[in-house]
Amino acid sequence: METTKGHYIFGTVKVGERGQIIIPKEARQVFDIKAGDTLIVLGDEKWGIAVTKADVLEKHAYDVFKKISEGQTDADQ
């Protein structure tokens, strides 16, 4: 269910005995997740966990590292 533009609630999932979850079909469709895709699991003790496609995070990480190497910060922009 899309709550506001670009924000979704896909429901709940149960963690299996081996720690596996099933990503809901609608979430896989919205984010174009297919069998064999690499996902990254991030964690913050206050906010919880997040799962994202590795290529999405890779692009953002590249942009951040590029700005760092150029000596830019968000305040400089």
PDB file of N, CA and C in Angstrom:
ATOM      1  N   MET A   1       0.845  -1.170   0.000  1.00  0.00           N
ATOM      2  CA  MET A   1       0.000   0.000   0.000  1.00  0.00           C
ATOM      3  C   MET A   1       0.893   1.236   0.000  1.00  0.00           C
ATOM      4  N   GLU A   2       0.665   2.140  -0.937  1.00  0.00           N
ATOM      5  CA  GLU A   2       1.412   3.390  -0.980  1.00  0.00           C
ATOM      6  C   GLU A   2       0.734   4.362  -0.023  1.00  0.00           C
ATOM      7  N   THR A   3       1.492   4.875   0.956  1.00  0.00           N
ATOM      8  CA  THR A   3       0.914   5.775   1.952  1.00  0.00           C
ATOM      9  C   THR A   3       0.960   7.222   1.478  1.00  0.00           C
ATOM     10  N   THR A   4       2.093   7.660   1.015  1.00  0.00           N
ATOM     11  CA  THR A   4       2.266   8.947   0.364  1.00  0.00           C
ATOM     12  C   THR A   4       3.188   8.696  -0.819  1.00  0.00           C
ATOM     13  N   LYS A   5       3.283   9.629  -1.704  1.00  0.00           N
ATOM     14  CA  LYS A   5       4.077   9.434  -2.918  1.00  0.00           C
ATOM     15  C   LYS A   5       5.466   8.880  -2.603  1.00  0.00           C
ATOM     16  N   GLY A   6       5.724   7.668  -3.047  1.00  0.00           N
ATOM     17  CA  GLY A   6       7.020   7.047  -2.881  1.00  0.00           C
ATOM     18  C   GLY A   6       7.255   6.349  -1.551  1.00  0.00           C
ATOM     19  N   HIS A   7       6.271   6.338  -0.659  1.00  0.00           N
ATOM     20  CA  HIS A   7       6.391   5.677   0.641  1.00  0.00           C
ATOM     21  C   HIS A   7       5.362   4.551   0.731  1.00  0.00           C
ATOM     22  N   TYR A   8       5.808   3.378   1.168  1.00  0.00           N
ATOM     23  CA  TYR A   8       4.953   2.196   1.139  1.00  0.00           C
ATOM     24  C   TYR A   8       4.941   1.470   2.478  1.00  0.00           C
ATOM     25  N   ILE A   9       3.852   0.778   2.715  1.00  0.00           N
ATOM     26  CA  ILE A   9       3.770  -0.230   3.775  1.00  0.00           C
ATOM     27  C   ILE A   9       3.426  -1.529   3.061  1.00  0.00           C
ATOM     28  N   PHE A  10       4.320  -2.499   3.151  1.00  0.00           N
ATOM     29  CA  PHE A  10       4.121  -3.760   2.450  1.00  0.00           C
ATOM     30  C   PHE A  10       3.569  -4.852   3.350  1.00  0.00           C
ATOM     31  N   GLY A  11       3.307  -4.540   4.601  1.00  0.00           N
ATOM     32  CA  GLY A  11       2.792  -5.544   5.514  1.00  0.00           C
ATOM     33  C   GLY A  11       3.895  -6.108   6.380  1.00  0.00           C
ATOM     34  N   THR A  12       3.632  -7.258   6.949  1.00  0.00           N
ATOM     35  CA  THR A  12       4.606  -7.873   7.842  1.00  0.00           C
ATOM     36  C   THR A  12       5.113  -9.177   7.243  1.00  0.00           C
ATOM     37  N   VAL A  13       6.278  -9.588   7.704  1.00  0.00           N
ATOM     38  CA  VAL A  13       6.836 -10.878   7.313  1.00  0.00           C
ATOM     39  C   VAL A  13       7.316 -11.569   8.574  1.00  0.00           C
ATOM     40  N   LYS A  14       7.369 -12.878   8.535  1.00  0.00           N
ATOM     41  CA  LYS A  14       7.886 -13.644   9.670  1.00  0.00           C
ATOM     42  C   LYS A  14       9.288 -14.118   9.350  1.00  0.00           C
ATOM     43  N   VAL A  15      10.110 -14.139  10.372  1.00  0.00           N
ATOM     44  CA  VAL A  15      11.470 -14.638  10.235  1.00  0.00           C
ATOM     45  C   VAL A  15      11.439 -16.143  10.463  1.00  0.00           C
ATOM     46  N   GLY A  16      11.976 -16.880   9.505  1.00  0.00           N
ATOM     47  CA  GLY A  16      12.014 -18.332   9.612  1.00  0.00           C
ATOM     48  C   GLY A  16      13.105 -18.792  10.578  1.00  0.00           C
ATOM     49  N   GLU A  17      13.145 -20.073  10.827  1.00  0.00           N
ATOM     50  CA  GLU A  17      14.115 -20.648  11.764  1.00  0.00           C
ATOM     51  C   GLU A  17      15.556 -20.376  11.362  1.00  0.00           C
ATOM     52  N   ARG A  18      15.804 -20.228  10.071  1.00  0.00           N
ATOM     53  CA  ARG A  18      17.157 -19.971   9.583  1.00  0.00           C
ATOM     54  C   ARG A  18      17.416 -18.472   9.410  1.00  0.00           C
ATOM     55  N   GLY A  19      16.521 -17.622   9.918  1.00  0.00           N
ATOM     56  CA  GLY A  19      16.706 -16.178   9.835  1.00  0.00           C
ATOM     57  C   GLY A  19      16.283 -15.574   8.509  1.00  0.00           C
ATOM     58  N   GLN A  20      15.588 -16.329   7.688  1.00  0.00           N
ATOM     59  CA  GLN A  20      15.179 -15.858   6.371  1.00  0.00           C
ATOM     60  C   GLN A  20      13.822 -15.181   6.422  1.00  0.00           C
ATOM     61  N   ILE A  21      13.666 -14.185   5.548  1.00  0.00           N
ATOM     62  CA  ILE A  21      12.367 -13.544   5.358  1.00  0.00           C
ATOM     63  C   ILE A  21      12.019 -13.596   3.880  1.00  0.00           C
ATOM     64  N   ILE A  22      10.753 -13.443   3.582  1.00  0.00           N
ATOM     65  CA  ILE A  22      10.292 -13.367   2.193  1.00  0.00           C
ATOM     66  C   ILE A  22       9.898 -11.918   1.938  1.00  0.00           C
ATOM     67  N   ILE A  23      10.500 -11.327   0.946  1.00  0.00           N
ATOM     68  CA  ILE A  23      10.153  -9.957   0.574  1.00  0.00           C
ATOM     69  C   ILE A  23       8.832 -10.010  -0.182  1.00  0.00           C
ATOM     70  N   PRO A  24       7.833  -9.256   0.262  1.00  0.00           N
ATOM     71  CA  PRO A  24       6.527  -9.302  -0.395  1.00  0.00           C
ATOM     72  C   PRO A  24       6.612  -9.010  -1.901  1.00  0.00           C
ATOM     73  N   LYS A  25       5.759  -9.675  -2.657  1.00  0.00           N
ATOM     74  CA  LYS A  25       5.756  -9.545  -4.119  1.00  0.00           C
ATOM     75  C   LYS A  25       5.650  -8.094  -4.558  1.00  0.00           C
ATOM     76  N   GLU A  26       4.752  -7.326  -3.939  1.00  0.00           N
ATOM     77  CA  GLU A  26       4.588  -5.924  -4.328  1.00  0.00           C
ATOM     78  C   GLU A  26       5.884  -5.137  -4.116  1.00  0.00           C
ATOM     79  N   ALA A  27       6.584  -5.405  -3.031  1.00  0.00           N
ATOM     80  CA  ALA A  27       7.861  -4.727  -2.765  1.00  0.00           C
ATOM     81  C   ALA A  27       8.886  -5.109  -3.828  1.00  0.00           C
ATOM     82  N   ARG A  28       8.923  -6.391  -4.190  1.00  0.00           N
ATOM     83  CA  ARG A  28       9.859  -6.828  -5.239  1.00  0.00           C
ATOM     84  C   ARG A  28       9.549  -6.153  -6.569  1.00  0.00           C
ATOM     85  N   GLN A  29       8.272  -5.968  -6.863  1.00  0.00           N
ATOM     86  CA  GLN A  29       7.885  -5.309  -8.115  1.00  0.00           C
ATOM     87  C   GLN A  29       8.247  -3.829  -8.095  1.00  0.00           C
ATOM     88  N   VAL A  30       7.901  -3.138  -7.020  1.00  0.00           N
ATOM     89  CA  VAL A  30       8.170  -1.694  -6.919  1.00  0.00           C
ATOM     90  C   VAL A  30       9.665  -1.416  -7.022  1.00  0.00           C
ATOM     91  N   PHE A  31      10.480  -2.248  -6.372  1.00  0.00           N
ATOM     92  CA  PHE A  31      11.915  -1.997  -6.326  1.00  0.00           C
ATOM     93  C   PHE A  31      12.707  -2.865  -7.297  1.00  0.00           C
ATOM     94  N   ASP A  32      12.007  -3.543  -8.197  1.00  0.00           N
ATOM     95  CA  ASP A  32      12.621  -4.359  -9.243  1.00  0.00           C
ATOM     96  C   ASP A  32      13.653  -5.336  -8.670  1.00  0.00           C
ATOM     97  N   ILE A  33      13.264  -6.054  -7.625  1.00  0.00           N
ATOM     98  CA  ILE A  33      14.134  -7.048  -7.003  1.00  0.00           C
ATOM     99  C   ILE A  33      13.823  -8.399  -7.626  1.00  0.00           C
ATOM    100  N   LYS A  34      14.878  -9.029  -8.132  1.00  0.00           N
ATOM    101  CA  LYS A  34      14.728 -10.318  -8.807  1.00  0.00           C
ATOM    102  C   LYS A  34      15.636 -11.351  -8.152  1.00  0.00           C
ATOM    103  N   ALA A  35      15.351 -12.609  -8.395  1.00  0.00           N
ATOM    104  CA  ALA A  35      16.198 -13.691  -7.894  1.00  0.00           C
ATOM    105  C   ALA A  35      17.633 -13.453  -8.342  1.00  0.00           C
ATOM    106  N   GLY A  36      18.564 -13.598  -7.436  1.00  0.00           N
ATOM    107  CA  GLY A  36      19.974 -13.405  -7.749  1.00  0.00           C
ATOM    108  C   GLY A  36      20.491 -12.005  -7.468  1.00  0.00           C
ATOM    109  N   ASP A  37      19.587 -11.037  -7.234  1.00  0.00           N
ATOM    110  CA  ASP A  37      20.027  -9.683  -6.895  1.00  0.00           C
ATOM    111  C   ASP A  37      20.747  -9.702  -5.550  1.00  0.00           C
ATOM    112  N   THR A  38      21.710  -8.809  -5.388  1.00  0.00           N
ATOM    113  CA  THR A  38      22.418  -8.668  -4.126  1.00  0.00           C
ATOM    114  C   THR A  38      21.785  -7.539  -3.330  1.00  0.00           C
ATOM    115  N   LEU A  39      21.462  -7.831  -2.075  1.00  0.00           N
ATOM    116  CA  LEU A  39      20.882  -6.834  -1.181  1.00  0.00           C
ATOM    117  C   LEU A  39      21.857  -6.572  -0.042  1.00  0.00           C
ATOM    118  N   ILE A  40      21.787  -5.373   0.508  1.00  0.00           N
ATOM    119  CA  ILE A  40      22.599  -5.012   1.667  1.00  0.00           C
ATOM    120  C   ILE A  40      21.658  -4.826   2.847  1.00  0.00           C
ATOM    121  N   VAL A  41      22.029  -5.377   3.986  1.00  0.00           N
ATOM    122  CA  VAL A  41      21.258  -5.208   5.216  1.00  0.00           C
ATOM    123  C   VAL A  41      22.045  -4.255   6.109  1.00  0.00           C
ATOM    124  N   LEU A  42      21.420  -3.127   6.438  1.00  0.00           N
ATOM    125  CA  LEU A  42      22.036  -2.118   7.291  1.00  0.00           C
ATOM    126  C   LEU A  42      21.348  -2.156   8.646  1.00  0.00           C
ATOM    127  N   GLY A  43      22.054  -1.790   9.697  1.00  0.00           N
ATOM    128  CA  GLY A  43      21.442  -1.809  11.015  1.00  0.00           C
ATOM    129  C   GLY A  43      21.843  -0.620  11.867  1.00  0.00           C
ATOM    130  N   ASP A  44      20.905  -0.151  12.639  1.00  0.00           N
ATOM    131  CA  ASP A  44      21.117   0.907  13.614  1.00  0.00           C
ATOM    132  C   ASP A  44      20.371   0.489  14.873  1.00  0.00           C
ATOM    133  N   GLU A  45      21.047   0.465  16.013  1.00  0.00           N
ATOM    134  CA  GLU A  45      20.410  -0.032  17.235  1.00  0.00           C
ATOM    135  C   GLU A  45      19.203   0.796  17.648  1.00  0.00           C
ATOM    136  N   LYS A  46      19.147   2.060  17.255  1.00  0.00           N
ATOM    137  CA  LYS A  46      18.008   2.913  17.604  1.00  0.00           C
ATOM    138  C   LYS A  46      16.873   2.767  16.590  1.00  0.00           C
ATOM    139  N   TRP A  47      17.191   2.762  15.299  1.00  0.00           N
ATOM    140  CA  TRP A  47      16.175   2.809  14.242  1.00  0.00           C
ATOM    141  C   TRP A  47      15.818   1.457  13.668  1.00  0.00           C
ATOM    142  N   GLY A  48      16.653   0.440  13.859  1.00  0.00           N
ATOM    143  CA  GLY A  48      16.337  -0.881  13.346  1.00  0.00           C
ATOM    144  C   GLY A  48      17.157  -1.235  12.117  1.00  0.00           C
ATOM    145  N   ILE A  49      16.584  -2.080  11.264  1.00  0.00           N
ATOM    146  CA  ILE A  49      17.314  -2.534  10.080  1.00  0.00           C
ATOM    147  C   ILE A  49      16.645  -2.019   8.810  1.00  0.00           C
ATOM    148  N   ALA A  50      17.442  -1.965   7.753  1.00  0.00           N
ATOM    149  CA  ALA A  50      16.948  -1.579   6.436  1.00  0.00           C
ATOM    150  C   ALA A  50      17.590  -2.518   5.422  1.00  0.00           C
ATOM    151  N   VAL A  51      16.850  -2.829   4.390  1.00  0.00           N
ATOM    152  CA  VAL A  51      17.343  -3.688   3.310  1.00  0.00           C
ATOM    153  C   VAL A  51      17.218  -2.907   2.018  1.00  0.00           C
ATOM    154  N   THR A  52      18.295  -2.861   1.250  1.00  0.00           N
ATOM    155  CA  THR A  52      18.269  -2.141  -0.017  1.00  0.00           C
ATOM    156  C   THR A  52      19.084  -2.897  -1.055  1.00  0.00           C
ATOM    157  N   LYS A  53      18.803  -2.637  -2.310  1.00  0.00           N
ATOM    158  CA  LYS A  53      19.585  -3.259  -3.378  1.00  0.00           C
ATOM    159  C   LYS A  53      21.001  -2.702  -3.327  1.00  0.00           C
ATOM    160  N   ALA A  54      21.980  -3.549  -3.513  1.00  0.00           N
ATOM    161  CA  ALA A  54      23.375  -3.146  -3.418  1.00  0.00           C
ATOM    162  C   ALA A  54      23.726  -2.075  -4.446  1.00  0.00           C
ATOM    163  N   ASP A  55      23.182  -2.180  -5.658  1.00  0.00           N
ATOM    164  CA  ASP A  55      23.544  -1.205  -6.686  1.00  0.00           C
ATOM    165  C   ASP A  55      23.018   0.189  -6.352  1.00  0.00           C
ATOM    166  N   VAL A  56      21.910   0.289  -5.639  1.00  0.00           N
ATOM    167  CA  VAL A  56      21.376   1.593  -5.230  1.00  0.00           C
ATOM    168  C   VAL A  56      22.318   2.234  -4.226  1.00  0.00           C
ATOM    169  N   LEU A  57      22.718   1.486  -3.225  1.00  0.00           N
ATOM    170  CA  LEU A  57      23.619   2.010  -2.207  1.00  0.00           C
ATOM    171  C   LEU A  57      24.987   2.299  -2.808  1.00  0.00           C
ATOM    172  N   GLU A  58      25.428   1.467  -3.733  1.00  0.00           N
ATOM    173  CA  GLU A  58      26.726   1.663  -4.357  1.00  0.00           C
ATOM    174  C   GLU A  58      26.794   3.023  -5.051  1.00  0.00           C
ATOM    175  N   LYS A  59      25.731   3.409  -5.753  1.00  0.00           N
ATOM    176  CA  LYS A  59      25.716   4.709  -6.439  1.00  0.00           C
ATOM    177  C   LYS A  59      25.817   5.844  -5.433  1.00  0.00           C
ATOM    178  N   HIS A  60      25.043   5.763  -4.341  1.00  0.00           N
ATOM    179  CA  HIS A  60      25.091   6.817  -3.329  1.00  0.00           C
ATOM    180  C   HIS A  60      26.469   6.873  -2.667  1.00  0.00           C
ATOM    181  N   ALA A  61      27.040   5.711  -2.373  1.00  0.00           N
ATOM    182  CA  ALA A  61      28.369   5.673  -1.752  1.00  0.00           C
ATOM    183  C   ALA A  61      29.397   6.289  -2.696  1.00  0.00           C
ATOM    184  N   TYR A  62      29.313   5.978  -3.977  1.00  0.00           N
ATOM    185  CA  TYR A  62      30.230   6.555  -4.962  1.00  0.00           C
ATOM    186  C   TYR A  62      30.118   8.077  -4.962  1.00  0.00           C
ATOM    187  N   ASP A  63      28.887   8.600  -4.956  1.00  0.00           N
ATOM    188  CA  ASP A  63      28.679  10.056  -4.950  1.00  0.00           C
ATOM    189  C   ASP A  63      29.276  10.692  -3.704  1.00  0.00           C
ATOM    190  N   VAL A  64      29.074  10.047  -2.543  1.00  0.00           N
ATOM    191  CA  VAL A  64      29.620  10.585  -1.290  1.00  0.00           C
ATOM    192  C   VAL A  64      31.139  10.600  -1.344  1.00  0.00           C
ATOM    193  N   PHE A  65      31.743   9.477  -1.750  1.00  0.00           N
ATOM    194  CA  PHE A  65      33.203   9.405  -1.801  1.00  0.00           C
ATOM    195  C   PHE A  65      33.778  10.387  -2.816  1.00  0.00           C
ATOM    196  N   LYS A  66      33.069  10.601  -3.908  1.00  0.00           N
ATOM    197  CA  LYS A  66      33.522  11.569  -4.909  1.00  0.00           C
ATOM    198  C   LYS A  66      33.542  12.974  -4.308  1.00  0.00           C
ATOM    199  N   LYS A  67      32.482  13.346  -3.592  1.00  0.00           N
ATOM    200  CA  LYS A  67      32.436  14.662  -2.952  1.00  0.00           C
ATOM    201  C   LYS A  67      33.553  14.809  -1.929  1.00  0.00           C
ATOM    202  N   ILE A  68      33.798  13.742  -1.159  1.00  0.00           N
ATOM    203  CA  ILE A  68      34.859  13.792  -0.164  1.00  0.00           C
ATOM    204  C   ILE A  68      36.207  14.014  -0.840  1.00  0.00           C
ATOM    205  N   SER A  69      36.445  13.288  -1.911  1.00  0.00           N
ATOM    206  CA  SER A  69      37.736  13.410  -2.592  1.00  0.00           C
ATOM    207  C   SER A  69      37.912  14.778  -3.245  1.00  0.00           C
ATOM    208  N   GLU A  70      36.792  15.413  -3.576  1.00  0.00           N
ATOM    209  CA  GLU A  70      36.852  16.760  -4.157  1.00  0.00           C
ATOM    210  C   GLU A  70      36.858  17.838  -3.087  1.00  0.00           C
ATOM    211  N   GLY A  71      36.774  17.422  -1.810  1.00  0.00           N
ATOM    212  CA  GLY A  71      36.798  18.362  -0.705  1.00  0.00           C
ATOM    213  C   GLY A  71      35.482  19.108  -0.502  1.00  0.00           C
ATOM    214  N   GLN A  72      34.370  18.548  -0.991  1.00  0.00           N
ATOM    215  CA  GLN A  72      33.071  19.187  -0.841  1.00  0.00           C
ATOM    216  C   GLN A  72      32.313  18.580   0.327  1.00  0.00           C
ATOM    217  N   THR A  73      31.485  19.398   0.941  1.00  0.00           N
ATOM    218  CA  THR A  73      30.531  18.914   1.934  1.00  0.00           C
ATOM    219  C   THR A  73      29.163  19.442   1.545  1.00  0.00           C
ATOM    220  N   ASP A  74      28.110  18.968   2.204  1.00  0.00           N
ATOM    221  CA  ASP A  74      26.774  19.460   1.916  1.00  0.00           C
ATOM    222  C   ASP A  74      26.680  20.970   2.122  1.00  0.00           C
ATOM    223  N   ALA A  75      27.436  21.503   3.097  1.00  0.00           N
ATOM    224  CA  ALA A  75      27.401  22.937   3.372  1.00  0.00           C
ATOM    225  C   ALA A  75      28.022  23.734   2.222  1.00  0.00           C
ATOM    226  N   ASP A  76      28.904  23.093   1.453  1.00  0.00           N
ATOM    227  CA  ASP A  76      29.569  23.787   0.350  1.00  0.00           C
ATOM    228  C   ASP A  76      28.669  23.936  -0.877  1.00  0.00           C
ATOM    229  N   GLN A  77      27.625  23.154  -0.947  1.00  0.00           N
ATOM    230  CA  GLN A  77      26.799  23.149  -2.155  1.00  0.00           C
ATOM    231  C   GLN A  77      25.801  24.267  -2.155  1.00  0.00           C
TER     232      GLN A  77
END
